[in-house]
Amino acid sequence: MSREASVNEPTQILTEDEAIELFTFLLTSARSQLDDPCEYASMRLLSAAEDLRDRVIDRVSPETRALLRQTVEATTFAQTHTNDLEAYTSTLDELCTQTARFLVGRFGGNRDG
């Protein structure tokens, strides 16, 4: 799927209920961070990313689906290694690198398409 096709052929990825649930999770997480230890922010964002991935994985292009599937093992590993800061950080770094490569391939390094 090209960038042009994705712009010209919009696809609903989330239902309204799913969107409001994700919005609410992010909003309440922002509030709870005021009272939680700082490392919880990363864990909450990772949980939100996993939830979003799991909701949309069957509704996206084959290319995006492949990327999302490739992240399942690493995000599961990261969630179970939050007490090992080095392993947790390394896993998140690899996930970010993997996702950045996908985006550069998809958009060619041009944010405006």
C-alpha atoms as a PDB file:
ATOM      1  CA  MET A   1       0.000   0.000   0.000  1.00  0.00           C
ATOM      2  CA  SER A   2       1.495   3.312  -1.017  1.00  0.00           C
ATOM      3  CA  ARG A   3       1.290   6.484   1.030  1.00  0.00           C
ATOM      4  CA  GLU A   4      -0.870   8.002  -1.703  1.00  0.00           C
ATOM      5  CA  ALA A   5      -3.340   5.110  -1.571  1.00  0.00           C
ATOM      6  CA  SER A   6      -3.598   5.354   2.196  1.00  0.00           C
ATOM      7  CA  VAL A   7      -4.439   9.062   1.960  1.00  0.00           C
ATOM      8  CA  ASN A   8      -6.913   8.672  -0.911  1.00  0.00           C
ATOM      9  CA  GLU A   9      -8.642   5.603   0.484  1.00  0.00           C
ATOM     10  CA  PRO A  10      -9.276   6.280   4.175  1.00  0.00           C
ATOM     11  CA  THR A  11      -9.948   3.242   6.297  1.00  0.00           C
ATOM     12  CA  GLN A  12     -11.550   3.329   9.704  1.00  0.00           C
ATOM     13  CA  ILE A  13      -9.033   1.692  12.003  1.00  0.00           C
ATOM     14  CA  LEU A  14     -10.764   2.220  15.357  1.00  0.00           C
ATOM     15  CA  THR A  15     -14.409   2.263  16.262  1.00  0.00           C
ATOM     16  CA  GLU A  16     -15.620   5.246  18.226  1.00  0.00           C
ATOM     17  CA  ASP A  17     -15.801   3.116  21.386  1.00  0.00           C
ATOM     18  CA  GLU A  18     -12.231   1.889  20.908  1.00  0.00           C
ATOM     19  CA  ALA A  19     -10.984   5.422  20.280  1.00  0.00           C
ATOM     20  CA  ILE A  20     -12.651   6.808  23.409  1.00  0.00           C
ATOM     21  CA  GLU A  21     -11.316   3.891  25.463  1.00  0.00           C
ATOM     22  CA  LEU A  22      -7.761   4.563  24.252  1.00  0.00           C
ATOM     23  CA  PHE A  23      -8.193   8.305  24.803  1.00  0.00           C
ATOM     24  CA  THR A  24      -9.463   7.688  28.327  1.00  0.00           C
ATOM     25  CA  PHE A  25      -6.569   5.337  29.116  1.00  0.00           C
ATOM     26  CA  LEU A  26      -4.030   7.924  27.954  1.00  0.00           C
ATOM     27  CA  LEU A  27      -5.766  10.767  29.756  1.00  0.00           C
ATOM     28  CA  THR A  28      -6.098   8.917  33.066  1.00  0.00           C
ATOM     29  CA  SER A  29      -2.523   7.684  32.734  1.00  0.00           C
ATOM     30  CA  ALA A  30      -1.366  11.274  32.415  1.00  0.00           C
ATOM     31  CA  ARG A  31      -3.181  12.106  35.636  1.00  0.00           C
ATOM     32  CA  SER A  32      -1.998   9.058  37.538  1.00  0.00           C
ATOM     33  CA  GLN A  33       1.601   9.857  36.609  1.00  0.00           C
ATOM     34  CA  LEU A  34       1.455  12.778  38.975  1.00  0.00           C
ATOM     35  CA  ASP A  35       1.223  10.307  41.853  1.00  0.00           C
ATOM     36  CA  ASP A  36       3.086   7.253  40.451  1.00  0.00           C
ATOM     37  CA  PRO A  37       6.835   6.611  40.287  1.00  0.00           C
ATOM     38  CA  CYS A  38       8.306   8.074  37.094  1.00  0.00           C
ATOM     39  CA  GLU A  39       9.152   4.693  35.526  1.00  0.00           C
ATOM     40  CA  TYR A  40       5.443   3.842  35.371  1.00  0.00           C
ATOM     41  CA  ALA A  41       4.974   6.314  32.504  1.00  0.00           C
ATOM     42  CA  SER A  42       6.985   4.164  30.130  1.00  0.00           C
ATOM     43  CA  MET A  43       5.117   1.031  31.179  1.00  0.00           C
ATOM     44  CA  ARG A  44       1.741   2.728  30.667  1.00  0.00           C
ATOM     45  CA  LEU A  45       2.728   3.992  27.212  1.00  0.00           C
ATOM     46  CA  LEU A  46       3.940   0.530  26.254  1.00  0.00           C
ATOM     47  CA  SER A  47       0.629  -0.919  27.442  1.00  0.00           C
ATOM     48  CA  ALA A  48      -1.246   1.634  25.333  1.00  0.00           C
ATOM     49  CA  ALA A  49       0.882   0.806  22.281  1.00  0.00           C
ATOM     50  CA  GLU A  50       0.193  -2.910  22.773  1.00  0.00           C
ATOM     51  CA  ASP A  51      -3.527  -2.275  23.164  1.00  0.00           C
ATOM     52  CA  LEU A  52      -3.629  -0.156  20.016  1.00  0.00           C
ATOM     53  CA  ARG A  53      -1.624  -2.759  18.100  1.00  0.00           C
ATOM     54  CA  ASP A  54      -3.914  -5.569  19.225  1.00  0.00           C
ATOM     55  CA  ARG A  55      -7.042  -3.636  18.249  1.00  0.00           C
ATOM     56  CA  VAL A  56      -5.899  -2.664  14.747  1.00  0.00           C
ATOM     57  CA  ILE A  57      -3.694  -5.551  13.642  1.00  0.00           C
ATOM     58  CA  ASP A  58      -6.432  -7.150  11.540  1.00  0.00           C
ATOM     59  CA  ARG A  59      -7.591  -3.821  10.093  1.00  0.00           C
ATOM     60  CA  VAL A  60      -4.379  -2.464   8.569  1.00  0.00           C
ATOM     61  CA  SER A  61      -2.400  -3.046   5.385  1.00  0.00           C
ATOM     62  CA  PRO A  62      -0.367  -6.249   5.087  1.00  0.00           C
ATOM     63  CA  GLU A  63       2.855  -4.238   5.456  1.00  0.00           C
ATOM     64  CA  THR A  64       1.722  -2.577   8.673  1.00  0.00           C
ATOM     65  CA  ARG A  65       0.325  -5.880   9.963  1.00  0.00           C
ATOM     66  CA  ALA A  66       3.749  -7.477   9.448  1.00  0.00           C
ATOM     67  CA  LEU A  67       5.418  -4.715  11.469  1.00  0.00           C
ATOM     68  CA  LEU A  68       2.870  -5.004  14.262  1.00  0.00           C
ATOM     69  CA  ARG A  69       3.244  -8.791  14.411  1.00  0.00           C
ATOM     70  CA  GLN A  70       7.003  -8.414  14.647  1.00  0.00           C
ATOM     71  CA  THR A  71       6.606  -6.320  17.792  1.00  0.00           C
ATOM     72  CA  VAL A  72       4.549  -8.824  19.813  1.00  0.00           C
ATOM     73  CA  GLU A  73       7.447 -10.862  21.199  1.00  0.00           C
ATOM     74  CA  ALA A  74       9.554  -7.816  22.069  1.00  0.00           C
ATOM     75  CA  THR A  75       6.752  -5.921  23.804  1.00  0.00           C
ATOM     76  CA  THR A  76       5.849  -9.010  25.801  1.00  0.00           C
ATOM     77  CA  PHE A  77       9.502  -9.384  26.788  1.00  0.00           C
ATOM     78  CA  ALA A  78       9.712  -5.708  27.769  1.00  0.00           C
ATOM     79  CA  GLN A  79       6.574  -5.921  29.921  1.00  0.00           C
ATOM     80  CA  THR A  80       8.011  -8.882  31.820  1.00  0.00           C
ATOM     81  CA  HIS A  81      11.438  -7.285  32.312  1.00  0.00           C
ATOM     82  CA  THR A  82      10.529  -3.891  33.708  1.00  0.00           C
ATOM     83  CA  ASN A  83      12.695  -4.549  36.772  1.00  0.00           C
ATOM     84  CA  ASP A  84      15.752  -5.068  34.541  1.00  0.00           C
ATOM     85  CA  LEU A  85      16.267  -1.518  33.304  1.00  0.00           C
ATOM     86  CA  GLU A  86      19.043  -2.459  30.882  1.00  0.00           C
ATOM     87  CA  ALA A  87      17.007  -5.208  29.171  1.00  0.00           C
ATOM     88  CA  TYR A  88      13.869  -3.058  29.189  1.00  0.00           C
ATOM     89  CA  THR A  89      15.689  -0.082  27.660  1.00  0.00           C
ATOM     90  CA  SER A  90      17.457  -2.217  25.066  1.00  0.00           C
ATOM     91  CA  THR A  91      14.183  -3.808  23.986  1.00  0.00           C
ATOM     92  CA  LEU A  92      12.434  -0.454  23.674  1.00  0.00           C
ATOM     93  CA  ASP A  93      15.401   0.916  21.708  1.00  0.00           C
ATOM     94  CA  GLU A  94      15.166  -2.002  19.268  1.00  0.00           C
ATOM     95  CA  LEU A  95      11.397  -1.552  18.899  1.00  0.00           C
ATOM     96  CA  CYS A  96      11.898   2.161  18.154  1.00  0.00           C
ATOM     97  CA  THR A  97      14.609   1.376  15.588  1.00  0.00           C
ATOM     98  CA  GLN A  98      12.439  -1.268  13.924  1.00  0.00           C
ATOM     99  CA  THR A  99       9.484   1.116  13.738  1.00  0.00           C
ATOM    100  CA  ALA A 100      11.650   3.987  12.445  1.00  0.00           C
ATOM    101  CA  ARG A 101      12.977   1.767   9.634  1.00  0.00           C
ATOM    102  CA  PHE A 102       9.409   0.885   8.696  1.00  0.00           C
ATOM    103  CA  LEU A 103       8.407   4.551   8.601  1.00  0.00           C
ATOM    104  CA  VAL A 104      11.410   5.568   6.498  1.00  0.00           C
ATOM    105  CA  GLY A 105      10.598   2.759   4.086  1.00  0.00           C
ATOM    106  CA  ARG A 106       6.965   3.755   3.939  1.00  0.00           C
ATOM    107  CA  PHE A 107       7.381   7.508   3.720  1.00  0.00           C
ATOM    108  CA  GLY A 108      10.884   7.704   2.277  1.00  0.00           C
ATOM    109  CA  GLY A 109      12.092  10.038   4.994  1.00  0.00           C
ATOM    110  CA  ASN A 110       9.586  12.666   3.859  1.00  0.00           C
ATOM    111  CA  ARG A 111       7.146  13.535   6.649  1.00  0.00           C
ATOM    112  CA  ASP A 112       4.831  15.332   4.234  1.00  0.00           C
ATOM    113  CA  GLY A 113       4.499  12.302   1.950  1.00  0.00           C
END
